[in-house]
Amino acid sequence: MNIDELNTPAALVDVGRMSRNIERMQRRLDSLGASFRPHVKTTKCEPIVRAQVAAGARGITVSTLKEAEQFFANGVSDIVYAVGMIPTKLPQALALRRQGCDLKIIADSIQSAEAIAAFGRDHGAVFEVWIEVDVDGHRSGIAPEDDLLITVGRALVGGGMNLGGVLAHAGSSYEYSKHEDLVRIAEQERAGAVRAAERLRAAGLTCPVVSIGSTPTALSAERLEGVTEVRAGVYVMFDLVMHNVGVCGTADIALSVLTTVIGHQEDKGWAIVDAGWMAMSRDRGTQRQQHDFGYGLVCSKNGAPLSDYVLSSANQEHGVISRIGSVDRDIAKHFPIGTRLRILPNHACATGAQHPEYQAIAEDGTAETWPRFYGW
C-alpha cells in the first residue's frame, strides 16, 4: 500500500524522521552518561517502542497500567508507572509483579505510602516505590526540602516496601521558548531531584535511582551529575508545541494526519477537509505560545509545510483550512477537491490517541500498519 491508497483521515508516521529523533535523543543521553527510559504514552505502539529499545533505551515509562500490561506481554519487563498510585489499582500492579514484571510505582503522599505498605503486607508482597519530587511547582510531587519527603520514605521502608528512588518531571519547561531558559529549568530539575535523593540518604534511607526528564529538559541539559536516568516521551514524534518551545523544527515532526479536501467556501477563503477534531484532537496547545497554529500546520501530501496555511477550525469530522493573515479567494484553485494534505499536530500524544493505528510511511512512500491501543 502507498499513501495514495490510504483512506482518510489517517495518522501517518514518517519512519525516517522518527528514527532520527530516536537516535538524536539516545546519542545525547549516552554522551551525558545517563540511562534513558522513554515514556511510551505518546505512541502506545509496540513497533515504535521496539525501535526505542533497540537504540539503547533501558526500560520504559508508562502512564497507565494497561500500557504496562501490553508492553510486558511484548517482552519489556523494566517498567515505571509514573502516575501516583491509588489503592484500587494495587491489585492490578501486584498481578503484573507476580507475572515477573519489574514494575515500579510512585507515591507523593503519606496516605499513598501507607496504603501501598498495608496492601503489600496483607498480600505478602514487596513493591518497589519511587517518591515523586516537585522541582518546579508544575503539577505533583513533594518539594525537595519538605520534611514530608523523609516521612514518606520512612513510611515505605518501615512498612516493608523497597524505596527505589526519586522521580521528577519539569513540566514547566513547556512554558519556555529560549534555550537559556530551558538550560536553567533543566538544571533546576536535576538539582532538585539530586537534593531530594541526598536528603533521603542522609536520613539513612536508600535511594539508588534519581530519575528526571521531559523532552525540553532532556534536550537542553548541560550536565546530569547525580542523575541515574532520564525520561522523555514526545521527542519520538515531536509536535508544534515542541517546535514553539524550540527543541525541534517542523522537519523533525514525525506524526501527521493525512486528510482530503472535500469542499470550499471560496468567499471565506476556506478549504473543507475530512479531518476534524476527531482526527486532530481538541488540543490547542500552541494557542498560548508565540505562534498559534490553530488545530495544526498544513503540509503537502509529501510533508512539505505550506507555511501560510493552518487548520483554523474544526468540527467533529470537518476541518477548515485557511490562510493566515488574509483571505485566499483562490483557495479552490490552490486546493482542489480531492487534494491530499498532511496536518502536523499541536500535541502528538493527543492526536495519536484519536487513532486506532498508525500508517508507517517508509522513505519510498510505502505504508505499513502499526496498531496502537487505548484504555487504562
Foldseek 3Di string as FASTA:
>chain_A
DFPLPDDPFAKAFAVVLLLVLLLVLLVLVVVQPAAEAEEALLFLFVVSVVSNVVSGHQHYEYQDLVSVVVVVVVPGQRYEHEDADDLVCVVSVVVSVVVPRLYEYEHAAQVSLLSNLVVCVVVVHAHAYAFEEELDPPDDGHWLPDPRLLVSQCSNVVSPYHDAAYEYELPCLLVAADLVVLQVSLVSQLVRQLSSQVVNVVVVHHHPAREYEEVSSSQRHPHRPSHHYYYYYCSSADFVSVVLSPRDPLVSHRIWTKWFFADDDLVQQKTKIQDFCLQQPPDQPCVPGPDGQAFFFKAASVRHTPRQWHQNHGDNGITIIHGPPDRRSCNCVVHPGGGMIITTGHRSSRNSQSDQWYFYQYPVRHTDITGRDDDD
